[in-house]
């Protein structure tokens, strides 16, 4: 991984291939290696950038409380430093929340959106309370405790039954995160802005992807996005949960490739 100073923090990133740029924004509480199969697939035709959010993977932390606007500003500054004016932005789960925040402030820099296993609505009071409790768990028990709680929710039933190595890979990613990075991201997600009113304003081409076994942001959430974003289409990935790109990488890549070829 390369490292680069972005705003007030050092971020670990990859920049591979050439052509039209596409940035992949990773899910909570993982890191950029969740996109390995996508980097391998698309670096032959595109300039592919991935990076670790502050506090995750090999990226550093700062004294600033993480938030979706902070993540969006990190992304904008990374684009500046890599001399990329405009890109396709692909975000999964928390990466989708950050993509909404980025579009809200930097719409002119978005060529197209790919929103995977995410939702536009803000957390309700119960969901916020759960995130704050999990943030305290991360601070007191560490990243491994977060893994034990999250893995059964992140993966679909098919993956849990027949692909146990995926769970092992996810556990390693979670345990690579800094507990304070996990806690701050949870607080940032709990406090994120409701993006429902933003959806009709999204004018760029948009692909919405969801696993048919997603427990955290089920297909009904994806359907809401598709109905509200004008230039959008929906792809459902069979036998995949919340981490559709990891659980069914071939089907996920096929959907993304088809979309990119039509841009």
Protein backbone atom coordinates (compact mmCIF):
# COMPACT_ATOMS: atom_id res chain seq x y z
CA UNK A 1 0.00 0.00 0.00
CA UNK A 2 1.07 3.57 -0.67
CA UNK A 3 0.48 6.31 1.89
CA UNK A 4 -0.44 9.94 1.39
CA UNK A 5 -1.17 12.86 3.74
CA UNK A 6 -4.81 13.88 3.24
CA UNK A 7 -6.12 16.79 5.28
CA UNK A 8 -4.96 15.97 8.84
CA UNK A 9 -4.35 12.24 8.48
CA UNK A 10 -2.16 9.77 6.57
CA UNK A 11 -4.25 7.45 4.40
CA UNK A 12 -3.19 4.13 2.89
CA UNK A 13 -4.32 3.76 -0.72
CA UNK A 14 -3.93 1.91 -4.01
CA UNK A 15 -3.89 3.47 -7.47
CA UNK A 16 -3.73 0.82 -10.19
CA UNK A 17 -4.42 0.65 -13.91
CA UNK A 18 -5.22 3.42 -16.35
CA UNK A 19 -8.30 4.81 -18.07
CA UNK A 20 -11.42 6.35 -16.58
CA UNK A 21 -11.07 6.50 -12.77
CA UNK A 22 -13.27 4.54 -10.41
CA UNK A 23 -12.99 4.80 -6.62
CA UNK A 24 -14.20 2.04 -4.31
CA UNK A 25 -15.26 3.09 -0.78
CA UNK A 26 -15.14 0.28 1.75
CA UNK A 27 -17.76 -0.88 4.25
CA UNK A 28 -17.71 -0.67 8.04
CA UNK A 29 -15.77 -2.10 9.82
CA UNK A 30 -13.53 -3.46 7.05
CA UNK A 31 -10.79 -1.91 4.89
CA UNK A 32 -9.81 -1.48 1.27
CA UNK A 33 -8.70 -5.10 0.84
CA UNK A 34 -12.40 -6.00 0.63
CA UNK A 35 -12.11 -4.71 -2.95
CA UNK A 36 -9.22 -7.01 -3.99
CA UNK A 37 -11.35 -8.93 -6.50
CA UNK A 38 -12.62 -5.68 -8.01
CA UNK A 39 -9.12 -4.21 -8.31
CA UNK A 40 -7.95 -7.38 -10.05
CA UNK A 41 -10.91 -7.25 -12.44
CA UNK A 42 -11.12 -3.58 -13.35
CA UNK A 43 -7.50 -2.34 -13.27
CA UNK A 44 -7.07 -3.74 -16.79
CA UNK A 45 -9.65 -1.29 -18.16
CA UNK A 46 -9.87 1.54 -15.59
CA UNK A 47 -7.80 3.55 -13.16
CA UNK A 48 -8.86 1.93 -9.89
CA UNK A 49 -8.39 3.67 -6.54
CA UNK A 50 -9.13 2.20 -3.11
CA UNK A 51 -8.17 3.52 0.31
CA UNK A 52 -8.63 2.87 4.01
CA UNK A 53 -10.88 5.29 5.87
CA UNK A 54 -9.12 7.02 8.76
CA UNK A 55 -8.81 4.54 11.63
CA UNK A 56 -9.15 1.46 9.42
CA UNK A 57 -6.64 -0.85 7.75
CA UNK A 58 -3.28 0.88 7.45
CA UNK A 59 -4.55 4.47 7.65
CA UNK A 60 -3.86 6.72 10.61
CA UNK A 61 -6.15 8.51 13.03
CA UNK A 62 -6.54 12.17 13.89
CA UNK A 63 -8.03 14.11 16.78
CA UNK A 64 -10.98 15.08 14.57
CA UNK A 65 -14.20 13.10 15.18
CA UNK A 66 -14.90 11.02 12.07
CA UNK A 67 -18.09 11.83 10.18
CA UNK A 68 -19.51 11.30 6.73
CA UNK A 69 -18.67 14.93 5.72
CA UNK A 70 -15.10 14.40 6.97
CA UNK A 71 -14.86 11.19 4.92
CA UNK A 72 -16.23 13.08 1.90
CA UNK A 73 -13.62 15.82 2.34
CA UNK A 74 -10.89 13.17 2.61
CA UNK A 75 -12.10 11.70 -0.68
CA UNK A 76 -12.16 15.12 -2.37
CA UNK A 77 -8.63 15.91 -1.22
CA UNK A 78 -7.37 12.48 -2.30
CA UNK A 79 -8.81 13.18 -5.77
CA UNK A 80 -7.00 16.51 -5.79
CA UNK A 81 -3.68 14.96 -4.82
CA UNK A 82 -4.07 12.25 -7.47
CA UNK A 83 -5.01 14.94 -10.03
CA UNK A 84 -8.41 13.38 -10.74
CA UNK A 85 -11.08 15.91 -11.62
CA UNK A 86 -14.04 13.54 -11.94
CA UNK A 87 -14.62 9.84 -11.18
CA UNK A 88 -17.12 7.06 -10.80
CA UNK A 89 -17.73 6.52 -7.08
CA UNK A 90 -18.66 3.06 -5.79
CA UNK A 91 -19.56 2.81 -2.11
CA UNK A 92 -20.80 -0.17 -0.13
CA UNK A 93 -22.65 0.19 3.19
CA UNK A 94 -20.81 2.97 5.08
CA UNK A 95 -19.04 3.68 1.81
CA UNK A 96 -22.49 4.43 0.39
CA UNK A 97 -23.20 6.88 3.22
CA UNK A 98 -19.91 8.62 2.41
CA UNK A 99 -20.82 8.63 -1.30
CA UNK A 100 -24.05 10.47 -0.47
CA UNK A 101 -22.07 13.00 1.60
CA UNK A 102 -19.59 13.43 -1.25
CA UNK A 103 -22.33 13.95 -3.83
CA UNK A 104 -24.01 16.50 -1.57
CA UNK A 105 -20.87 18.68 -1.57
CA UNK A 106 -19.03 17.70 -4.76
CA UNK A 107 -21.67 16.58 -7.29
CA UNK A 108 -19.70 18.12 -10.17
CA UNK A 109 -16.88 15.65 -9.49
CA UNK A 110 -19.06 12.53 -9.82
CA UNK A 111 -19.20 10.91 -13.25
CA UNK A 112 -21.47 8.09 -12.02
CA UNK A 113 -22.50 6.41 -8.77
CA UNK A 114 -22.58 2.77 -7.73
CA UNK A 115 -24.47 2.37 -4.44
CA UNK A 116 -24.13 -1.09 -2.92
CA UNK A 117 -25.97 -2.56 0.07
CA UNK A 118 -26.69 0.85 1.58
CA UNK A 119 -29.61 3.13 2.45
CA UNK A 120 -30.44 6.82 2.24
CA UNK A 121 -32.42 7.23 5.46
CA UNK A 122 -30.72 8.33 8.66
CA UNK A 123 -30.71 6.13 11.76
CA UNK A 124 -33.78 6.12 13.96
CA UNK A 125 -33.36 6.47 17.72
CA UNK A 126 -33.03 2.72 18.27
CA UNK A 127 -30.37 2.36 15.58
CA UNK A 128 -28.44 5.33 16.98
CA UNK A 129 -28.53 3.82 20.45
CA UNK A 130 -27.18 0.54 19.06
CA UNK A 131 -24.28 2.33 17.34
CA UNK A 132 -23.35 4.24 20.49
CA UNK A 133 -23.40 1.01 22.49
CA UNK A 134 -21.21 -0.68 19.88
CA UNK A 135 -18.79 2.27 19.98
CA UNK A 136 -18.43 1.74 23.73
CA UNK A 137 -17.91 -2.00 23.10
CA UNK A 138 -15.09 -1.22 20.65
CA UNK A 139 -13.41 1.06 23.17
CA UNK A 140 -13.69 -1.39 26.06
CA UNK A 141 -13.39 -4.81 24.40
CA UNK A 142 -11.53 -4.07 21.17
CA UNK A 143 -12.00 -4.87 17.50
CA UNK A 144 -12.39 -8.63 17.98
CA UNK A 145 -15.58 -8.08 20.00
CA UNK A 146 -16.99 -6.05 17.11
CA UNK A 147 -16.17 -8.90 14.73
CA UNK A 148 -18.06 -11.42 16.83
CA UNK A 149 -21.12 -9.18 16.85
CA UNK A 150 -21.00 -8.05 13.22
CA UNK A 151 -20.05 -11.08 11.13
CA UNK A 152 -23.40 -12.93 11.46
CA UNK A 153 -25.16 -9.72 10.38
CA UNK A 154 -22.81 -8.89 7.51
CA UNK A 155 -22.97 -12.22 5.71
CA UNK A 156 -25.90 -13.93 4.04
CA UNK A 157 -27.09 -17.38 5.10
CA UNK A 158 -25.65 -18.99 1.96
CA UNK A 159 -22.16 -17.62 2.69
CA UNK A 160 -22.32 -18.58 6.35
CA UNK A 161 -23.24 -22.15 5.41
CA UNK A 162 -20.96 -22.91 2.48
CA UNK A 163 -18.13 -20.31 2.42
CA UNK A 164 -16.65 -20.08 5.94
CA UNK A 165 -13.38 -18.68 4.59
CA UNK A 166 -15.21 -15.43 3.77
CA UNK A 167 -16.01 -15.01 7.48
CA UNK A 168 -12.34 -15.63 8.33
CA UNK A 169 -11.26 -12.97 5.85
CA UNK A 170 -13.74 -10.45 7.23
CA UNK A 171 -12.64 -11.16 10.79
CA UNK A 172 -9.03 -10.39 9.84
CA UNK A 173 -10.07 -7.07 8.29
CA UNK A 174 -12.10 -6.06 11.33
CA UNK A 175 -9.28 -6.94 13.72
CA UNK A 176 -6.90 -4.77 11.67
CA UNK A 177 -8.98 -1.69 12.52
CA UNK A 178 -8.15 0.59 15.43
CA UNK A 179 -10.83 0.35 18.15
CA UNK A 180 -11.06 4.14 18.29
CA UNK A 181 -11.44 4.25 14.50
CA UNK A 182 -14.35 1.81 14.79
CA UNK A 183 -15.92 3.86 17.58
CA UNK A 184 -15.61 7.15 15.72
CA UNK A 185 -17.05 5.69 12.52
CA UNK A 186 -20.02 4.35 14.48
CA UNK A 187 -20.67 7.77 15.98
CA UNK A 188 -20.27 9.35 12.55
CA UNK A 189 -22.83 6.96 11.06
CA UNK A 190 -25.25 7.55 13.93
CA UNK A 191 -25.04 11.30 13.34
CA UNK A 192 -25.13 11.21 9.55
CA UNK A 193 -27.54 13.39 7.60
CA UNK A 194 -30.70 11.90 6.11
CA UNK A 195 -30.07 11.58 2.36
CA UNK A 196 -33.64 10.75 1.34
CA UNK A 197 -34.26 14.28 0.06
CA UNK A 198 -31.00 14.14 -1.88
CA UNK A 199 -32.09 11.18 -4.03
CA UNK A 200 -34.29 13.10 -6.53
CA UNK A 201 -31.42 15.57 -7.00
CA UNK A 202 -28.99 12.87 -8.17
CA UNK A 203 -28.71 13.38 -11.91
CA UNK A 204 -25.70 11.23 -12.79
CA UNK A 205 -26.07 7.61 -13.95
CA UNK A 206 -26.49 5.40 -10.87
CA UNK A 207 -26.29 1.65 -10.37
CA UNK A 208 -27.83 0.20 -7.20
CA UNK A 209 -26.60 -3.22 -6.09
CA UNK A 210 -27.95 -5.36 -3.25
CA UNK A 211 -27.56 -8.93 -2.06
CA UNK A 212 -30.84 -10.82 -1.95
CA UNK A 213 -29.95 -12.08 1.57
CA UNK A 214 -28.85 -8.70 2.94
CA UNK A 215 -30.12 -8.42 6.53
CA UNK A 216 -28.81 -4.92 7.31
CA UNK A 217 -29.98 -3.05 4.20
CA UNK A 218 -32.45 -5.46 2.56
CA UNK A 219 -33.61 -5.31 -1.06
CA UNK A 220 -36.54 -3.09 -0.06
CA UNK A 221 -34.02 -0.35 0.78
CA UNK A 222 -32.40 -0.74 -2.65
CA UNK A 223 -35.80 -0.55 -4.31
CA UNK A 224 -36.43 2.76 -2.52
CA UNK A 225 -33.17 4.12 -3.94
CA UNK A 226 -34.05 2.93 -7.44
CA UNK A 227 -37.49 4.50 -7.31
CA UNK A 228 -36.14 7.85 -6.12
CA UNK A 229 -33.04 8.29 -8.30
CA UNK A 230 -34.06 9.08 -11.85
CA UNK A 231 -31.16 7.74 -13.90
CA UNK A 232 -30.78 4.51 -11.96
CA UNK A 233 -31.12 0.80 -12.30
CA UNK A 234 -31.13 -2.02 -9.77
CA UNK A 235 -29.10 -5.23 -9.75
CA UNK A 236 -29.85 -7.95 -7.17
CA UNK A 237 -26.99 -10.35 -6.41
CA UNK A 238 -28.24 -13.86 -5.70
CA UNK A 239 -27.04 -15.77 -2.62
CA UNK A 240 -25.30 -12.71 -1.15
CA UNK A 241 -25.77 -10.79 2.07
CA UNK A 242 -24.59 -7.29 3.01
CA UNK A 243 -21.11 -7.76 1.54
CA UNK A 244 -22.23 -8.72 -1.95
CA UNK A 245 -18.86 -8.01 -3.58
CA UNK A 246 -17.09 -10.44 -1.23
CA UNK A 247 -19.77 -13.10 -1.10
CA UNK A 248 -20.42 -13.35 -4.85
CA UNK A 249 -17.50 -11.54 -6.52
CA UNK A 250 -18.09 -12.98 -10.00
CA UNK A 251 -21.75 -11.90 -10.11
CA UNK A 252 -20.89 -8.54 -8.55
CA UNK A 253 -18.12 -7.88 -11.06
CA UNK A 254 -20.36 -8.88 -13.95
CA UNK A 255 -23.00 -6.35 -12.86
CA UNK A 256 -20.41 -3.58 -12.44
CA UNK A 257 -18.69 -4.39 -15.72
CA UNK A 258 -21.95 -4.28 -17.65
CA UNK A 259 -22.75 -0.92 -16.09
CA UNK A 260 -19.33 0.60 -16.75
CA UNK A 261 -19.43 -0.50 -20.38
CA UNK A 262 -22.65 1.44 -20.85
CA UNK A 263 -21.35 4.73 -19.41
